[in-house]
Each structure stands twice: as structure tokens, then as C-alpha cells.
Amino acid sequence: MTFETHHEVAVEPPEPGGLGIPLVFVPVPDTKTVPNRVHLDLAGPSAAAQAALVARLLDLGATPTDIGQGQVSWTVLADPEGNEFCVLSPR
């Protein structure tokens, strides 16, 4: 579940009582000048779920990015503001 206002975006785990923690993102007017203090890794249960999530994120404005990861099985993306995150391969 996602809750959004112009002051914050809150993202809840997909299943009540399941794995995951709620996250709250608060926009700031400053431009990014230092590396993020937190790096998000998103995970799904299957390769199909990973591909679907990457496709959805690209449709929402994410872009592939290179953070020096080389050849890896996961996908590295950046949100429209340039914040990097990964969509992990199933384990």
C-alpha cells in the first residue's frame, strides 16, 4: 500500500504481517550533492516478478544506471531525481 501527499510518500510492505518494513520518503528542495545514506534493494520471488517490477519502474520514470557494478544478475536503476537502487534477482 502507498500513501502520498505533497509532504511525504509512505510505502507499506505488500502483505500485512509479511516480510518488509514500512518506508517513508520526505522530499527536500535541495539537489543531491553526496551519495545516498541508504541504498534500497528491492526483491521479488521469481525472475518473472523481477522483470515485471523493472518494467513497471521504467514506466514510472526510472532509468538504468551504472554505479560500477559490472556484469551482475540484478538491475541497477535510478529514480527521476538520480537516487540509485537495485532490483535483485531471486535467491
C-alpha atoms as a PDB file:
ATOM      1  CA  MET A   1       0.000   0.000   0.000  1.00  0.00           C
ATOM      2  CA  THR A   2       1.231   3.503  -0.793  1.00  0.00           C
ATOM      3  CA  PHE A   3       0.123   6.771   0.764  1.00  0.00           C
ATOM      4  CA  GLU A   4       1.195  10.012  -0.883  1.00  0.00           C
ATOM      5  CA  THR A   5       0.867  13.719  -0.092  1.00  0.00           C
ATOM      6  CA  HIS A   6       2.974  16.643  -1.254  1.00  0.00           C
ATOM      7  CA  HIS A   7       4.869  16.302   2.067  1.00  0.00           C
ATOM      8  CA  GLU A   8       5.683  12.572   2.011  1.00  0.00           C
ATOM      9  CA  VAL A   9       5.259   9.180   0.407  1.00  0.00           C
ATOM     10  CA  ALA A  10       4.730   6.165   2.674  1.00  0.00           C
ATOM     11  CA  VAL A  11       5.158   2.653   1.294  1.00  0.00           C
ATOM     12  CA  GLU A  12       3.887  -0.324   3.292  1.00  0.00           C
ATOM     13  CA  PRO A  13       5.006  -3.953   2.836  1.00  0.00           C
ATOM     14  CA  PRO A  14       2.870  -5.762   0.247  1.00  0.00           C
ATOM     15  CA  GLU A  15       1.443  -8.272   2.734  1.00  0.00           C
ATOM     16  CA  PRO A  16       0.253  -7.313   6.209  1.00  0.00           C
ATOM     17  CA  GLY A  17       2.411  -9.181   8.682  1.00  0.00           C
ATOM     18  CA  GLY A  18       4.739 -10.290   5.876  1.00  0.00           C
ATOM     19  CA  LEU A  19       8.378  -9.547   5.329  1.00  0.00           C
ATOM     20  CA  GLY A  20       9.385  -5.952   4.934  1.00  0.00           C
ATOM     21  CA  ILE A  21       9.163  -2.694   6.791  1.00  0.00           C
ATOM     22  CA  PRO A  22       7.212   0.450   6.023  1.00  0.00           C
ATOM     23  CA  LEU A  23       9.253   3.241   4.430  1.00  0.00           C
ATOM     24  CA  VAL A  24       8.509   6.964   4.449  1.00  0.00           C
ATOM     25  CA  PHE A  25      10.135   9.267   1.899  1.00  0.00           C
ATOM     26  CA  VAL A  26      10.144  13.009   2.515  1.00  0.00           C
ATOM     27  CA  PRO A  27      11.052  15.226  -0.462  1.00  0.00           C
ATOM     28  CA  VAL A  28      13.559  18.009   0.089  1.00  0.00           C
ATOM     29  CA  PRO A  29      14.157  21.020  -2.151  1.00  0.00           C
ATOM     30  CA  ASP A  30      17.948  20.524  -2.160  1.00  0.00           C
ATOM     31  CA  THR A  31      19.726  18.875  -5.072  1.00  0.00           C
ATOM     32  CA  LYS A  32      21.700  15.694  -4.463  1.00  0.00           C
ATOM     33  CA  THR A  33      25.314  16.564  -3.643  1.00  0.00           C
ATOM     34  CA  VAL A  34      26.551  13.486  -1.753  1.00  0.00           C
ATOM     35  CA  PRO A  35      25.958   9.720  -2.057  1.00  0.00           C
ATOM     36  CA  ASN A  36      22.741   8.442  -0.533  1.00  0.00           C
ATOM     37  CA  ARG A  37      22.982   7.354   3.090  1.00  0.00           C
ATOM     38  CA  VAL A  38      20.620   4.460   2.370  1.00  0.00           C
ATOM     39  CA  HIS A  39      20.667   2.145  -0.654  1.00  0.00           C
ATOM     40  CA  LEU A  40      17.411   0.332  -1.401  1.00  0.00           C
ATOM     41  CA  ASP A  41      17.392  -3.214  -2.754  1.00  0.00           C
ATOM     42  CA  LEU A  42      14.008  -4.427  -3.984  1.00  0.00           C
ATOM     43  CA  ALA A  43      13.407  -8.167  -4.248  1.00  0.00           C
ATOM     44  CA  GLY A  44      10.761 -10.425  -5.705  1.00  0.00           C
ATOM     45  CA  PRO A  45      10.002 -14.141  -5.538  1.00  0.00           C
ATOM     46  CA  SER A  46      10.854 -15.034  -9.156  1.00  0.00           C
ATOM     47  CA  ALA A  47      12.644 -13.931 -12.311  1.00  0.00           C
ATOM     48  CA  ALA A  48       9.248 -13.057 -13.817  1.00  0.00           C
ATOM     49  CA  ALA A  49       8.440 -10.852 -10.801  1.00  0.00           C
ATOM     50  CA  GLN A  50      11.848  -9.156 -11.130  1.00  0.00           C
ATOM     51  CA  ALA A  51      11.250  -8.456 -14.838  1.00  0.00           C
ATOM     52  CA  ALA A  52       7.736  -7.143 -14.165  1.00  0.00           C
ATOM     53  CA  LEU A  53       8.986  -4.864 -11.388  1.00  0.00           C
ATOM     54  CA  VAL A  54      11.795  -3.483 -13.563  1.00  0.00           C
ATOM     55  CA  ALA A  55       9.312  -2.838 -16.400  1.00  0.00           C
ATOM     56  CA  ARG A  56       6.924  -1.067 -14.016  1.00  0.00           C
ATOM     57  CA  LEU A  57       9.709   1.082 -12.571  1.00  0.00           C
ATOM     58  CA  LEU A  58      10.919   2.046 -16.054  1.00  0.00           C
ATOM     59  CA  ASP A  59       7.346   3.024 -16.984  1.00  0.00           C
ATOM     60  CA  LEU A  60       7.220   5.201 -13.841  1.00  0.00           C
ATOM     61  CA  GLY A  61      10.371   7.102 -14.855  1.00  0.00           C
ATOM     62  CA  ALA A  62      13.306   5.094 -13.508  1.00  0.00           C
ATOM     63  CA  THR A  63      16.351   4.792 -15.754  1.00  0.00           C
ATOM     64  CA  PRO A  64      19.122   2.190 -15.931  1.00  0.00           C
ATOM     65  CA  THR A  65      22.304   3.481 -14.330  1.00  0.00           C
ATOM     66  CA  ASP A  66      25.882   2.374 -13.836  1.00  0.00           C
ATOM     67  CA  ILE A  67      27.343   2.627 -10.349  1.00  0.00           C
ATOM     68  CA  GLY A  68      30.341   0.481 -11.224  1.00  0.00           C
ATOM     69  CA  GLN A  69      28.520  -2.808 -10.704  1.00  0.00           C
ATOM     70  CA  GLY A  70      29.910  -4.543 -13.801  1.00  0.00           C
ATOM     71  CA  GLN A  71      28.140  -7.695 -15.040  1.00  0.00           C
ATOM     72  CA  VAL A  72      25.614  -8.659 -12.344  1.00  0.00           C
ATOM     73  CA  SER A  73      22.365 -10.604 -12.202  1.00  0.00           C
ATOM     74  CA  TRP A  74      20.392  -7.728 -10.707  1.00  0.00           C
ATOM     75  CA  THR A  75      19.245  -4.457 -12.261  1.00  0.00           C
ATOM     76  CA  VAL A  76      20.519  -1.063 -11.120  1.00  0.00           C
ATOM     77  CA  LEU A  77      18.162   1.852 -11.687  1.00  0.00           C
ATOM     78  CA  ALA A  78      17.909   5.500 -10.684  1.00  0.00           C
ATOM     79  CA  ASP A  79      14.706   7.312  -9.854  1.00  0.00           C
ATOM     80  CA  PRO A  80      13.899  10.572 -11.702  1.00  0.00           C
ATOM     81  CA  GLU A  81      15.916  12.508  -9.099  1.00  0.00           C
ATOM     82  CA  GLY A  82      19.008  10.324  -9.631  1.00  0.00           C
ATOM     83  CA  ASN A  83      18.765   8.174  -6.487  1.00  0.00           C
ATOM     84  CA  GLU A  84      20.160   4.722  -7.240  1.00  0.00           C
ATOM     85  CA  PHE A  85      18.541   1.452  -6.183  1.00  0.00           C
ATOM     86  CA  CYS A  86      18.672  -2.212  -7.199  1.00  0.00           C
ATOM     87  CA  VAL A  87      16.073  -4.784  -8.197  1.00  0.00           C
ATOM     88  CA  LEU A  88      17.599  -8.043  -7.020  1.00  0.00           C
ATOM     89  CA  SER A  89      17.489 -11.399  -8.746  1.00  0.00           C
ATOM     90  CA  PRO A  90      15.536 -14.102  -6.913  1.00  0.00           C
ATOM     91  CA  ARG A  91      17.586 -16.152  -4.481  1.00  0.00           C
END
